[in-house]
Amino acid sequence: MADEELEALRQRRLGEIRAEHGDPSADPSQQEAKQREAEIRNTILAQVLDQAARARLSNLALVKPDKAKAVENYLIQMARFGQLTGKVSEQGLIEILEKVSQQTEKKTTVKFNRRKVLDSDEEDDY
């Protein structure tokens, strides 16, 4: 009975490791779910954005995928709650990008730590 439990644990751990490293043979049901989710996202974005805005969003996804994902999530959320009237133009997408950029903007601060050095001219006599 211990061998069966050990083998079950090994198989589960092997599945987890494969899933972490993106192994295609990890779990077909998870991959299908991810593919369905991607298709749903694409159809919603195709309904919400016009061609120019979609092109700009795809260009942004090449350069900054995390920011593009945030904008996509924002657009999908707005579409689900009915806050969008008609298709979003390129100018509308630029405004949304500015909003997302302001929310995720990182403020950089520089702090100088000046140390006092005890330097005496009297000790320079070698």
C-alpha atoms as a PDB file:
ATOM      1  CA  MET A   1       0.000   0.000   0.000  1.00  0.00           C
ATOM      2  CA  ALA A   2       2.904   2.376   0.727  1.00  0.00           C
ATOM      3  CA  ASP A   3       4.305   1.793  -2.772  1.00  0.00           C
ATOM      4  CA  GLU A   4       1.006   2.832  -4.363  1.00  0.00           C
ATOM      5  CA  GLU A   5       0.865   6.016  -2.284  1.00  0.00           C
ATOM      6  CA  LEU A   6       4.483   6.807  -3.097  1.00  0.00           C
ATOM      7  CA  GLU A   7       3.867   6.299  -6.808  1.00  0.00           C
ATOM      8  CA  ALA A   8       0.780   8.520  -6.663  1.00  0.00           C
ATOM      9  CA  LEU A   9       2.795  11.257  -4.956  1.00  0.00           C
ATOM     10  CA  ARG A  10       5.551  10.948  -7.560  1.00  0.00           C
ATOM     11  CA  GLN A  11       3.064  11.230 -10.431  1.00  0.00           C
ATOM     12  CA  ARG A  12       1.375  14.266  -8.875  1.00  0.00           C
ATOM     13  CA  ARG A  13       4.710  15.994  -8.276  1.00  0.00           C
ATOM     14  CA  LEU A  14       5.855  15.191 -11.803  1.00  0.00           C
ATOM     15  CA  GLY A  15       2.656  16.763 -13.145  1.00  0.00           C
ATOM     16  CA  GLU A  16       3.253  19.887 -11.053  1.00  0.00           C
ATOM     17  CA  ILE A  17       6.824  20.214 -12.304  1.00  0.00           C
ATOM     18  CA  ARG A  18       5.740  19.806 -15.916  1.00  0.00           C
ATOM     19  CA  ALA A  19       3.006  22.400 -15.452  1.00  0.00           C
ATOM     20  CA  GLU A  20       5.486  24.880 -13.958  1.00  0.00           C
ATOM     21  CA  HIS A  21       7.870  24.526 -16.872  1.00  0.00           C
ATOM     22  CA  GLY A  22       5.157  24.673 -19.509  1.00  0.00           C
ATOM     23  CA  ASP A  23       5.499  21.093 -20.694  1.00  0.00           C
ATOM     24  CA  PRO A  24       2.813  20.420 -23.315  1.00  0.00           C
ATOM     25  CA  SER A  25       2.200  16.921 -21.994  1.00  0.00           C
ATOM     26  CA  ALA A  26       1.468  18.257 -18.485  1.00  0.00           C
ATOM     27  CA  ASP A  27      -2.322  18.355 -18.451  1.00  0.00           C
ATOM     28  CA  PRO A  28      -4.388  18.554 -21.613  1.00  0.00           C
ATOM     29  CA  SER A  29      -7.482  19.829 -19.811  1.00  0.00           C
ATOM     30  CA  GLN A  30      -5.570  22.814 -18.415  1.00  0.00           C
ATOM     31  CA  GLN A  31      -4.160  23.628 -21.837  1.00  0.00           C
ATOM     32  CA  GLU A  32      -7.618  23.442 -23.395  1.00  0.00           C
ATOM     33  CA  ALA A  33      -8.974  25.751 -20.709  1.00  0.00           C
ATOM     34  CA  LYS A  34      -6.191  28.268 -21.350  1.00  0.00           C
ATOM     35  CA  GLN A  35      -6.814  28.078 -25.084  1.00  0.00           C
ATOM     36  CA  ARG A  36     -10.568  28.623 -24.616  1.00  0.00           C
ATOM     37  CA  GLU A  37      -9.885  31.579 -22.321  1.00  0.00           C
ATOM     38  CA  ALA A  38      -7.543  33.112 -24.914  1.00  0.00           C
ATOM     39  CA  GLU A  39     -10.173  32.664 -27.632  1.00  0.00           C
ATOM     40  CA  ILE A  40     -12.836  34.319 -25.474  1.00  0.00           C
ATOM     41  CA  ARG A  41     -10.501  37.231 -24.721  1.00  0.00           C
ATOM     42  CA  ASN A  42      -9.729  37.673 -28.412  1.00  0.00           C
ATOM     43  CA  THR A  43     -13.395  37.649 -29.417  1.00  0.00           C
ATOM     44  CA  ILE A  44     -14.310  40.198 -26.745  1.00  0.00           C
ATOM     45  CA  LEU A  45     -11.417  42.443 -27.775  1.00  0.00           C
ATOM     46  CA  ALA A  46     -12.367  42.099 -31.447  1.00  0.00           C
ATOM     47  CA  GLN A  47     -15.906  43.258 -30.603  1.00  0.00           C
ATOM     48  CA  VAL A  48     -14.708  46.139 -28.428  1.00  0.00           C
ATOM     49  CA  LEU A  49     -11.762  47.574 -30.427  1.00  0.00           C
ATOM     50  CA  ASP A  50     -11.568  48.884 -33.951  1.00  0.00           C
ATOM     51  CA  GLN A  51      -8.732  47.860 -36.296  1.00  0.00           C
ATOM     52  CA  ALA A  52      -6.339  50.722 -35.489  1.00  0.00           C
ATOM     53  CA  ALA A  53      -6.781  50.284 -31.740  1.00  0.00           C
ATOM     54  CA  ARG A  54      -6.253  46.537 -32.039  1.00  0.00           C
ATOM     55  CA  ALA A  55      -3.057  47.102 -34.007  1.00  0.00           C
ATOM     56  CA  ARG A  56      -1.783  49.528 -31.369  1.00  0.00           C
ATOM     57  CA  LEU A  57      -2.608  47.062 -28.589  1.00  0.00           C
ATOM     58  CA  SER A  58      -0.804  44.237 -30.384  1.00  0.00           C
ATOM     59  CA  ASN A  59       2.254  46.477 -30.853  1.00  0.00           C
ATOM     60  CA  LEU A  60       2.161  47.307 -27.161  1.00  0.00           C
ATOM     61  CA  ALA A  61       1.958  43.593 -26.335  1.00  0.00           C
ATOM     62  CA  LEU A  62       5.232  43.044 -28.187  1.00  0.00           C
ATOM     63  CA  VAL A  63       7.052  45.714 -26.193  1.00  0.00           C
ATOM     64  CA  LYS A  64       5.343  45.606 -22.788  1.00  0.00           C
ATOM     65  CA  PRO A  65       3.274  42.447 -22.379  1.00  0.00           C
ATOM     66  CA  ASP A  66       2.339  43.154 -18.766  1.00  0.00           C
ATOM     67  CA  LYS A  67       0.942  46.587 -19.590  1.00  0.00           C
ATOM     68  CA  ALA A  68      -0.939  45.197 -22.602  1.00  0.00           C
ATOM     69  CA  LYS A  69      -2.448  42.499 -20.394  1.00  0.00           C
ATOM     70  CA  ALA A  70      -3.572  45.142 -17.891  1.00  0.00           C
ATOM     71  CA  VAL A  71      -5.214  47.181 -20.664  1.00  0.00           C
ATOM     72  CA  GLU A  72      -6.911  44.062 -22.047  1.00  0.00           C
ATOM     73  CA  ASN A  73      -8.250  43.185 -18.599  1.00  0.00           C
ATOM     74  CA  TYR A  74      -9.492  46.760 -18.162  1.00  0.00           C
ATOM     75  CA  LEU A  75     -11.249  46.710 -21.537  1.00  0.00           C
ATOM     76  CA  ILE A  76     -12.841  43.313 -20.899  1.00  0.00           C
ATOM     77  CA  GLN A  77     -14.052  44.438 -17.489  1.00  0.00           C
ATOM     78  CA  MET A  78     -15.551  47.599 -18.982  1.00  0.00           C
ATOM     79  CA  ALA A  79     -17.253  45.545 -21.698  1.00  0.00           C
ATOM     80  CA  ARG A  80     -18.723  43.097 -19.191  1.00  0.00           C
ATOM     81  CA  PHE A  81     -20.201  45.882 -17.084  1.00  0.00           C
ATOM     82  CA  GLY A  82     -21.574  47.678 -20.157  1.00  0.00           C
ATOM     83  CA  GLN A  83     -19.476  50.802 -19.714  1.00  0.00           C
ATOM     84  CA  LEU A  84     -18.383  50.877 -23.358  1.00  0.00           C
ATOM     85  CA  THR A  85     -20.608  52.436 -25.987  1.00  0.00           C
ATOM     86  CA  GLY A  86     -19.556  51.265 -29.425  1.00  0.00           C
ATOM     87  CA  LYS A  87     -16.068  50.328 -30.474  1.00  0.00           C
ATOM     88  CA  VAL A  88     -13.057  51.949 -28.861  1.00  0.00           C
ATOM     89  CA  SER A  89     -11.022  53.977 -31.328  1.00  0.00           C
ATOM     90  CA  GLU A  90      -7.279  54.401 -31.308  1.00  0.00           C
ATOM     91  CA  GLN A  91      -7.615  57.731 -29.500  1.00  0.00           C
ATOM     92  CA  GLY A  92      -9.820  56.105 -26.859  1.00  0.00           C
ATOM     93  CA  LEU A  93      -7.257  53.355 -26.409  1.00  0.00           C
ATOM     94  CA  ILE A  94      -4.523  55.960 -25.941  1.00  0.00           C
ATOM     95  CA  GLU A  95      -6.586  57.558 -23.155  1.00  0.00           C
ATOM     96  CA  ILE A  96      -7.051  54.159 -21.512  1.00  0.00           C
ATOM     97  CA  LEU A  97      -3.307  53.528 -21.816  1.00  0.00           C
ATOM     98  CA  GLU A  98      -2.621  56.822 -20.057  1.00  0.00           C
ATOM     99  CA  LYS A  99      -5.004  55.861 -17.224  1.00  0.00           C
ATOM    100  CA  VAL A 100      -3.346  52.476 -16.788  1.00  0.00           C
ATOM    101  CA  SER A 101       0.109  54.072 -16.931  1.00  0.00           C
ATOM    102  CA  GLN A 102      -0.817  56.510 -14.188  1.00  0.00           C
ATOM    103  CA  GLN A 103      -2.105  53.700 -11.992  1.00  0.00           C
ATOM    104  CA  THR A 104       0.985  51.547 -12.468  1.00  0.00           C
ATOM    105  CA  GLU A 105       3.510  54.361 -12.489  1.00  0.00           C
ATOM    106  CA  LYS A 106       6.445  53.712 -10.225  1.00  0.00           C
ATOM    107  CA  LYS A 107       7.903  56.615  -8.360  1.00  0.00           C
ATOM    108  CA  THR A 108      11.663  56.461  -8.113  1.00  0.00           C
ATOM    109  CA  THR A 109      13.387  58.022  -5.183  1.00  0.00           C
ATOM    110  CA  VAL A 110      17.077  58.407  -4.664  1.00  0.00           C
ATOM    111  CA  LYS A 111      18.413  58.646  -1.159  1.00  0.00           C
ATOM    112  CA  PHE A 112      21.946  59.752  -0.539  1.00  0.00           C
ATOM    113  CA  ASN A 113      23.580  58.398   2.570  1.00  0.00           C
ATOM    114  CA  ARG A 114      26.570  60.595   3.157  1.00  0.00           C
ATOM    115  CA  ARG A 115      28.964  59.179   5.628  1.00  0.00           C
ATOM    116  CA  LYS A 116      31.118  61.432   7.694  1.00  0.00           C
ATOM    117  CA  VAL A 117      34.729  60.515   7.320  1.00  0.00           C
ATOM    118  CA  LEU A 118      37.109  61.469  10.038  1.00  0.00           C
ATOM    119  CA  ASP A 119      40.025  62.717   8.019  1.00  0.00           C
ATOM    120  CA  SER A 120      42.722  64.504   9.832  1.00  0.00           C
ATOM    121  CA  ASP A 121      45.641  66.208   8.121  1.00  0.00           C
ATOM    122  CA  GLU A 122      47.867  65.443  11.078  1.00  0.00           C
ATOM    123  CA  GLU A 123      47.930  61.730  10.256  1.00  0.00           C
ATOM    124  CA  ASP A 124      49.294  62.280   6.745  1.00  0.00           C
ATOM    125  CA  ASP A 125      52.874  62.544   8.055  1.00  0.00           C
ATOM    126  CA  TYR A 126      54.343  59.305   6.865  1.00  0.00           C
END
